[in-house]
Amino acid sequence: MSEQVEQTPYEVFGGRDFFTRLVAAFYERVSNDDVLRPMYPPGSLDAAEWRLRSFLEQYWGGPTDYSDQRGHPRLRMRHVGFAIDATARDHWLMHMREALDEQHLPPEQDHVLWQYLQGAAFAMQNVADEPPPGTVFEADPTR
């Protein structure tokens, strides 16, 4: 009797080939983005690409290269030096959505990965949204 081994999401998505294509397509867009590109020093996109690919691979059950080389991900701490506002977040999401669309994942897999990426993008935002002009916050008189 053979045991059925459940695949990790990393394997289901397509392993290293999938994550390499996804992240390369993403950074191709970032390299021409007027909001995101200035956050990367000259010559740093290749290293950034490795970090994102390695992180995503590890997160989804693939190789642990990211932690082996960089330790715990500590994503919020690693992004604190960058002013990530709603505009930067939305540019990141736009480019990642386009890169993900190019991968043609089955809808269920696309949904799972996209839900994670959206949550991560919102979690990395470290500059609060400004309230709409004219918004007034008043104390609750019942308190």
N, C-alpha and C. Protein backbone atom coordinates (compact mmCIF):
# COMPACT_ATOMS: atom_id res chain seq x y z
N MET A 1 0.85 -1.18 0.00
CA MET A 1 0.00 0.00 0.00
C MET A 1 0.89 1.24 0.00
N SER A 2 0.65 2.14 -0.91
CA SER A 2 1.46 3.36 -0.97
C SER A 2 0.71 4.50 -0.31
N GLU A 3 1.47 5.32 0.39
CA GLU A 3 0.87 6.49 1.04
C GLU A 3 0.82 7.63 0.03
N GLN A 4 -0.29 8.34 0.08
CA GLN A 4 -0.42 9.52 -0.79
C GLN A 4 0.21 10.71 -0.07
N VAL A 5 1.17 11.33 -0.72
CA VAL A 5 1.85 12.48 -0.14
C VAL A 5 1.20 13.74 -0.69
N GLU A 6 0.76 14.59 0.23
CA GLU A 6 0.12 15.83 -0.18
C GLU A 6 1.18 16.83 -0.63
N GLN A 7 0.93 17.48 -1.73
CA GLN A 7 1.87 18.48 -2.25
C GLN A 7 1.77 19.77 -1.46
N THR A 8 2.88 20.46 -1.35
CA THR A 8 2.88 21.78 -0.74
C THR A 8 2.31 22.77 -1.75
N PRO A 9 1.83 23.92 -1.29
CA PRO A 9 1.39 24.95 -2.24
C PRO A 9 2.52 25.31 -3.22
N TYR A 10 3.75 25.33 -2.74
CA TYR A 10 4.91 25.61 -3.60
C TYR A 10 4.91 24.66 -4.79
N GLU A 11 4.71 23.40 -4.55
CA GLU A 11 4.69 22.41 -5.63
C GLU A 11 3.45 22.56 -6.50
N VAL A 12 2.31 22.81 -5.87
CA VAL A 12 1.06 22.96 -6.62
C VAL A 12 1.15 24.15 -7.58
N PHE A 13 1.71 25.27 -7.11
CA PHE A 13 1.84 26.46 -7.96
C PHE A 13 2.79 26.22 -9.14
N GLY A 14 3.75 25.34 -8.96
CA GLY A 14 4.71 25.07 -10.04
C GLY A 14 6.16 25.18 -9.63
N GLY A 15 6.42 25.26 -8.32
CA GLY A 15 7.79 25.25 -7.82
C GLY A 15 8.61 26.45 -8.24
N ARG A 16 9.92 26.24 -8.28
CA ARG A 16 10.87 27.33 -8.55
C ARG A 16 10.57 28.01 -9.88
N ASP A 17 10.23 27.24 -10.91
CA ASP A 17 9.95 27.86 -12.21
C ASP A 17 8.82 28.88 -12.11
N PHE A 18 7.76 28.50 -11.41
CA PHE A 18 6.62 29.41 -11.26
C PHE A 18 7.04 30.69 -10.54
N PHE A 19 7.69 30.56 -9.39
CA PHE A 19 8.04 31.73 -8.60
C PHE A 19 9.09 32.60 -9.31
N THR A 20 9.97 31.98 -10.07
CA THR A 20 10.95 32.74 -10.84
C THR A 20 10.24 33.58 -11.90
N ARG A 21 9.31 32.98 -12.61
CA ARG A 21 8.57 33.72 -13.64
C ARG A 21 7.74 34.84 -13.03
N LEU A 22 7.03 34.54 -11.95
CA LEU A 22 6.17 35.52 -11.29
C LEU A 22 6.98 36.74 -10.84
N VAL A 23 8.05 36.50 -10.12
CA VAL A 23 8.82 37.60 -9.55
C VAL A 23 9.57 38.36 -10.64
N ALA A 24 10.06 37.68 -11.66
CA ALA A 24 10.72 38.37 -12.78
C ALA A 24 9.74 39.29 -13.49
N ALA A 25 8.52 38.81 -13.72
CA ALA A 25 7.50 39.64 -14.38
C ALA A 25 7.14 40.84 -13.51
N PHE A 26 7.09 40.65 -12.21
CA PHE A 26 6.81 41.73 -11.29
C PHE A 26 7.90 42.79 -11.34
N TYR A 27 9.15 42.37 -11.19
CA TYR A 27 10.25 43.34 -11.16
C TYR A 27 10.50 44.00 -12.51
N GLU A 28 10.10 43.35 -13.59
CA GLU A 28 10.17 44.01 -14.89
C GLU A 28 9.30 45.26 -14.87
N ARG A 29 8.16 45.16 -14.24
CA ARG A 29 7.26 46.31 -14.13
C ARG A 29 7.78 47.34 -13.13
N VAL A 30 8.29 46.86 -12.00
CA VAL A 30 8.82 47.77 -10.98
C VAL A 30 9.95 48.61 -11.55
N SER A 31 10.76 48.02 -12.41
CA SER A 31 11.92 48.74 -12.93
C SER A 31 11.53 49.99 -13.72
N ASN A 32 10.29 50.07 -14.16
CA ASN A 32 9.81 51.23 -14.93
C ASN A 32 8.74 52.03 -14.19
N ASP A 33 8.57 51.77 -12.91
CA ASP A 33 7.51 52.42 -12.14
C ASP A 33 8.06 53.66 -11.44
N ASP A 34 7.41 54.81 -11.67
CA ASP A 34 7.91 56.06 -11.10
C ASP A 34 7.71 56.18 -9.60
N VAL A 35 6.86 55.36 -9.01
CA VAL A 35 6.64 55.38 -7.56
C VAL A 35 7.56 54.38 -6.85
N LEU A 36 7.62 53.16 -7.37
CA LEU A 36 8.37 52.10 -6.70
C LEU A 36 9.86 52.10 -7.01
N ARG A 37 10.24 52.38 -8.24
CA ARG A 37 11.65 52.27 -8.62
C ARG A 37 12.58 53.10 -7.75
N PRO A 38 12.19 54.33 -7.36
CA PRO A 38 13.09 55.14 -6.52
C PRO A 38 13.38 54.52 -5.14
N MET A 39 12.60 53.54 -4.72
CA MET A 39 12.85 52.88 -3.44
C MET A 39 14.03 51.92 -3.50
N TYR A 40 14.48 51.60 -4.69
CA TYR A 40 15.57 50.64 -4.89
C TYR A 40 16.82 51.38 -5.33
N PRO A 41 17.92 51.23 -4.60
CA PRO A 41 19.17 51.86 -5.05
C PRO A 41 19.59 51.29 -6.39
N PRO A 42 20.36 52.05 -7.16
CA PRO A 42 20.85 51.54 -8.45
C PRO A 42 21.54 50.19 -8.28
N GLY A 43 21.24 49.29 -9.19
CA GLY A 43 21.86 47.97 -9.17
C GLY A 43 21.31 46.99 -8.15
N SER A 44 20.21 47.34 -7.50
CA SER A 44 19.71 46.48 -6.42
C SER A 44 18.52 45.60 -6.81
N LEU A 45 18.03 45.74 -8.02
CA LEU A 45 16.81 44.99 -8.37
C LEU A 45 17.05 43.47 -8.41
N ASP A 46 18.23 43.04 -8.85
CA ASP A 46 18.49 41.60 -8.89
C ASP A 46 18.44 41.01 -7.48
N ALA A 47 19.04 41.69 -6.52
CA ALA A 47 19.03 41.20 -5.14
C ALA A 47 17.60 41.24 -4.58
N ALA A 48 16.86 42.28 -4.89
CA ALA A 48 15.48 42.38 -4.43
C ALA A 48 14.64 41.25 -5.03
N GLU A 49 14.90 40.95 -6.28
CA GLU A 49 14.18 39.85 -6.94
C GLU A 49 14.47 38.53 -6.25
N TRP A 50 15.73 38.29 -5.93
CA TRP A 50 16.09 37.05 -5.21
C TRP A 50 15.37 36.99 -3.86
N ARG A 51 15.37 38.12 -3.13
CA ARG A 51 14.75 38.11 -1.80
C ARG A 51 13.26 37.81 -1.88
N LEU A 52 12.56 38.47 -2.80
CA LEU A 52 11.12 38.22 -2.91
C LEU A 52 10.84 36.80 -3.35
N ARG A 53 11.55 36.33 -4.37
CA ARG A 53 11.33 34.96 -4.85
C ARG A 53 11.62 33.96 -3.74
N SER A 54 12.74 34.10 -3.07
CA SER A 54 13.12 33.16 -2.02
C SER A 54 12.14 33.21 -0.86
N PHE A 55 11.69 34.41 -0.51
CA PHE A 55 10.71 34.53 0.57
C PHE A 55 9.42 33.81 0.19
N LEU A 56 8.90 34.09 -1.01
CA LEU A 56 7.64 33.47 -1.43
C LEU A 56 7.77 31.95 -1.52
N GLU A 57 8.88 31.49 -2.04
CA GLU A 57 9.09 30.04 -2.12
C GLU A 57 9.03 29.41 -0.72
N GLN A 58 9.74 30.01 0.21
CA GLN A 58 9.76 29.47 1.57
C GLN A 58 8.39 29.55 2.22
N TYR A 59 7.72 30.68 2.07
CA TYR A 59 6.40 30.87 2.68
C TYR A 59 5.43 29.78 2.22
N TRP A 60 5.51 29.41 0.94
CA TRP A 60 4.56 28.46 0.38
C TRP A 60 5.06 27.02 0.43
N GLY A 61 6.11 26.75 1.22
CA GLY A 61 6.52 25.37 1.47
C GLY A 61 7.69 24.88 0.64
N GLY A 62 8.40 25.81 0.00
CA GLY A 62 9.56 25.42 -0.81
C GLY A 62 10.85 25.50 -0.01
N PRO A 63 11.96 25.64 -0.71
CA PRO A 63 13.28 25.69 -0.06
C PRO A 63 13.37 26.82 0.95
N THR A 64 14.22 26.65 1.93
CA THR A 64 14.38 27.63 3.00
C THR A 64 15.57 28.56 2.77
N ASP A 65 15.92 28.78 1.51
CA ASP A 65 17.07 29.63 1.19
C ASP A 65 16.96 31.01 1.84
N TYR A 66 15.77 31.57 1.87
CA TYR A 66 15.60 32.91 2.42
C TYR A 66 16.07 32.94 3.88
N SER A 67 15.49 32.11 4.72
CA SER A 67 15.86 32.12 6.13
C SER A 67 17.29 31.63 6.35
N ASP A 68 17.73 30.70 5.52
CA ASP A 68 19.11 30.21 5.65
C ASP A 68 20.10 31.35 5.47
N GLN A 69 19.79 32.29 4.60
CA GLN A 69 20.72 33.38 4.32
C GLN A 69 20.40 34.67 5.07
N ARG A 70 19.12 34.89 5.39
CA ARG A 70 18.74 36.19 5.96
C ARG A 70 18.12 36.09 7.34
N GLY A 71 17.89 34.89 7.83
CA GLY A 71 17.24 34.75 9.13
C GLY A 71 15.73 34.89 8.99
N HIS A 72 15.09 35.15 10.12
CA HIS A 72 13.63 35.31 10.14
C HIS A 72 13.23 36.44 9.19
N PRO A 73 12.13 36.27 8.45
CA PRO A 73 11.73 37.30 7.48
C PRO A 73 11.52 38.70 8.07
N ARG A 74 10.88 38.84 9.20
CA ARG A 74 10.64 40.15 9.83
C ARG A 74 10.28 41.21 8.80
N LEU A 75 9.25 40.94 8.03
CA LEU A 75 8.91 41.80 6.89
C LEU A 75 8.64 43.24 7.28
N ARG A 76 7.87 43.46 8.34
CA ARG A 76 7.58 44.85 8.74
C ARG A 76 8.87 45.59 9.08
N MET A 77 9.75 44.94 9.82
CA MET A 77 11.00 45.58 10.21
C MET A 77 11.86 45.88 8.97
N ARG A 78 11.91 44.96 8.03
CA ARG A 78 12.75 45.14 6.85
C ARG A 78 12.21 46.24 5.92
N HIS A 79 10.95 46.57 6.04
CA HIS A 79 10.36 47.59 5.18
C HIS A 79 10.20 48.95 5.87
N VAL A 80 10.54 49.03 7.13
CA VAL A 80 10.30 50.26 7.89
C VAL A 80 11.07 51.46 7.32
N GLY A 81 12.19 51.24 6.67
CA GLY A 81 12.98 52.34 6.12
C GLY A 81 12.42 52.92 4.83
N PHE A 82 11.34 52.37 4.34
CA PHE A 82 10.72 52.83 3.10
C PHE A 82 9.35 53.43 3.42
N ALA A 83 9.07 54.59 2.87
CA ALA A 83 7.76 55.21 3.07
C ALA A 83 6.78 54.54 2.12
N ILE A 84 6.01 53.60 2.67
CA ILE A 84 5.05 52.85 1.87
C ILE A 84 3.66 53.37 2.20
N ASP A 85 3.17 54.20 1.30
CA ASP A 85 1.84 54.77 1.47
C ASP A 85 0.85 54.00 0.59
N ALA A 86 -0.38 54.45 0.56
CA ALA A 86 -1.41 53.76 -0.22
C ALA A 86 -1.06 53.74 -1.71
N THR A 87 -0.44 54.79 -2.20
CA THR A 87 -0.06 54.83 -3.61
C THR A 87 0.99 53.77 -3.92
N ALA A 88 2.02 53.69 -3.10
CA ALA A 88 3.06 52.67 -3.30
C ALA A 88 2.47 51.27 -3.18
N ARG A 89 1.63 51.08 -2.18
CA ARG A 89 0.96 49.78 -2.00
C ARG A 89 0.16 49.41 -3.24
N ASP A 90 -0.60 50.36 -3.75
CA ASP A 90 -1.45 50.09 -4.91
C ASP A 90 -0.63 49.83 -6.17
N HIS A 91 0.49 50.51 -6.32
CA HIS A 91 1.38 50.24 -7.46
C HIS A 91 1.95 48.82 -7.34
N TRP A 92 2.37 48.46 -6.13
CA TRP A 92 2.89 47.11 -5.89
C TRP A 92 1.84 46.07 -6.27
N LEU A 93 0.62 46.28 -5.79
CA LEU A 93 -0.46 45.35 -6.08
C LEU A 93 -0.80 45.30 -7.57
N MET A 94 -0.80 46.44 -8.23
CA MET A 94 -1.10 46.47 -9.66
C MET A 94 -0.08 45.64 -10.45
N HIS A 95 1.20 45.85 -10.14
CA HIS A 95 2.23 45.11 -10.86
C HIS A 95 2.21 43.63 -10.52
N MET A 96 1.94 43.32 -9.27
CA MET A 96 1.88 41.90 -8.88
C MET A 96 0.66 41.24 -9.51
N ARG A 97 -0.47 41.93 -9.59
CA ARG A 97 -1.66 41.36 -10.22
C ARG A 97 -1.38 41.06 -11.69
N GLU A 98 -0.74 42.00 -12.38
CA GLU A 98 -0.42 41.79 -13.79
C GLU A 98 0.56 40.62 -13.96
N ALA A 99 1.56 40.55 -13.09
CA ALA A 99 2.53 39.45 -13.16
C ALA A 99 1.85 38.12 -12.88
N LEU A 100 0.95 38.11 -11.91
CA LEU A 100 0.22 36.88 -11.58
C LEU A 100 -0.70 36.47 -12.72
N ASP A 101 -1.35 37.42 -13.34
CA ASP A 101 -2.23 37.11 -14.48
C ASP A 101 -1.45 36.41 -15.60
N GLU A 102 -0.21 36.81 -15.81
CA GLU A 102 0.61 36.20 -16.86
C GLU A 102 0.91 34.73 -16.59
N GLN A 103 0.76 34.30 -15.33
CA GLN A 103 1.13 32.92 -14.97
C GLN A 103 0.00 31.93 -15.26
N HIS A 104 -1.20 32.42 -15.46
CA HIS A 104 -2.35 31.58 -15.83
C HIS A 104 -2.57 30.41 -14.87
N LEU A 105 -2.58 30.72 -13.58
CA LEU A 105 -2.89 29.70 -12.59
C LEU A 105 -4.36 29.32 -12.67
N PRO A 106 -4.71 28.11 -12.26
CA PRO A 106 -6.13 27.79 -12.11
C PRO A 106 -6.77 28.78 -11.12
N PRO A 107 -8.04 29.09 -11.30
CA PRO A 107 -8.69 30.12 -10.46
C PRO A 107 -8.53 29.90 -8.96
N GLU A 108 -8.63 28.66 -8.49
CA GLU A 108 -8.52 28.42 -7.04
C GLU A 108 -7.13 28.77 -6.53
N GLN A 109 -6.11 28.40 -7.28
CA GLN A 109 -4.74 28.70 -6.88
C GLN A 109 -4.47 30.20 -6.97
N ASP A 110 -4.94 30.82 -8.03
CA ASP A 110 -4.79 32.26 -8.19
C ASP A 110 -5.42 32.98 -7.00
N HIS A 111 -6.61 32.57 -6.62
CA HIS A 111 -7.32 33.21 -5.51
C HIS A 111 -6.54 33.11 -4.21
N VAL A 112 -6.03 31.93 -3.91
CA VAL A 112 -5.28 31.73 -2.66
C VAL A 112 -4.03 32.61 -2.64
N LEU A 113 -3.28 32.60 -3.71
CA LEU A 113 -2.06 33.39 -3.77
C LEU A 113 -2.38 34.88 -3.74
N TRP A 114 -3.38 35.31 -4.48
CA TRP A 114 -3.75 36.73 -4.52
C TRP A 114 -4.23 37.22 -3.17
N GLN A 115 -4.99 36.42 -2.46
CA GLN A 115 -5.44 36.82 -1.12
C GLN A 115 -4.24 37.08 -0.21
N TYR A 116 -3.26 36.19 -0.27
CA TYR A 116 -2.06 36.38 0.54
C TYR A 116 -1.32 37.66 0.13
N LEU A 117 -1.11 37.84 -1.16
CA LEU A 117 -0.35 39.00 -1.64
C LEU A 117 -1.04 40.31 -1.27
N GLN A 118 -2.35 40.35 -1.36
CA GLN A 118 -3.07 41.56 -0.95
C GLN A 118 -2.87 41.84 0.53
N GLY A 119 -3.03 40.81 1.35
CA GLY A 119 -2.84 40.99 2.79
C GLY A 119 -1.43 41.46 3.12
N ALA A 120 -0.44 40.88 2.45
CA ALA A 120 0.95 41.27 2.69
C ALA A 120 1.18 42.72 2.28
N ALA A 121 0.63 43.13 1.15
CA ALA A 121 0.82 44.50 0.69
C ALA A 121 0.21 45.50 1.68
N PHE A 122 -0.97 45.20 2.16
CA PHE A 122 -1.60 46.10 3.13
C PHE A 122 -0.83 46.12 4.44
N ALA A 123 -0.27 44.98 4.83
CA ALA A 123 0.49 44.90 6.08
C ALA A 123 1.80 45.69 6.00
N MET A 124 2.36 45.83 4.80
CA MET A 124 3.62 46.56 4.65
C MET A 124 3.42 48.06 4.59
N GLN A 125 2.20 48.52 4.36
CA GLN A 125 1.95 49.96 4.33
C GLN A 125 2.28 50.53 5.70
N ASN A 126 3.17 51.53 5.72
CA ASN A 126 3.59 52.11 7.00
C ASN A 126 3.39 53.62 7.06
N VAL A 127 2.73 54.18 6.05
CA VAL A 127 2.33 55.59 6.06
C VAL A 127 0.81 55.59 6.00
N ALA A 128 0.19 56.14 7.03
CA ALA A 128 -1.27 56.11 7.13
C ALA A 128 -1.93 56.88 6.01
N ASP A 129 -3.09 56.42 5.61
CA ASP A 129 -3.90 57.14 4.63
C ASP A 129 -4.39 58.43 5.26
N GLU A 130 -4.46 59.46 4.46
CA GLU A 130 -5.01 60.73 4.92
C GLU A 130 -6.53 60.65 4.82
N PRO A 131 -7.23 61.19 5.82
CA PRO A 131 -8.69 61.21 5.69
C PRO A 131 -9.09 62.12 4.52
N PRO A 132 -10.20 61.85 3.90
CA PRO A 132 -10.65 62.71 2.79
C PRO A 132 -10.79 64.16 3.26
N PRO A 133 -10.50 65.12 2.36
CA PRO A 133 -10.62 66.53 2.74
C PRO A 133 -12.01 66.83 3.30
N GLY A 134 -12.04 67.60 4.35
CA GLY A 134 -13.31 68.00 4.94
C GLY A 134 -13.85 67.01 5.97
N THR A 135 -13.16 65.88 6.15
CA THR A 135 -13.63 64.89 7.13
C THR A 135 -13.36 65.43 8.53
N VAL A 136 -14.37 65.37 9.35
CA VAL A 136 -14.25 65.83 10.72
C VAL A 136 -14.57 64.66 11.63
N PHE A 137 -13.67 64.39 12.56
CA PHE A 137 -13.89 63.33 13.54
C PHE A 137 -14.25 63.99 14.86
N GLU A 138 -15.44 63.68 15.33
CA GLU A 138 -15.87 64.25 16.59
C GLU A 138 -15.99 63.15 17.62
N ALA A 139 -15.83 63.53 18.85
CA ALA A 139 -15.95 62.58 19.94
C ALA A 139 -17.39 62.06 20.01
N ASP A 140 -17.54 60.83 20.35
CA ASP A 140 -18.86 60.21 20.51
C ASP A 140 -19.49 60.78 21.78
N PRO A 141 -20.60 61.52 21.65
CA PRO A 141 -21.21 62.16 22.84
C PRO A 141 -21.79 61.16 23.82
N THR A 142 -21.95 59.91 23.44
CA THR A 142 -22.52 58.90 24.36
C THR A 142 -21.44 58.29 25.24
N ARG A 143 -20.19 58.63 25.03
CA ARG A 143 -19.10 58.04 25.84
C ARG A 143 -18.81 58.90 27.03
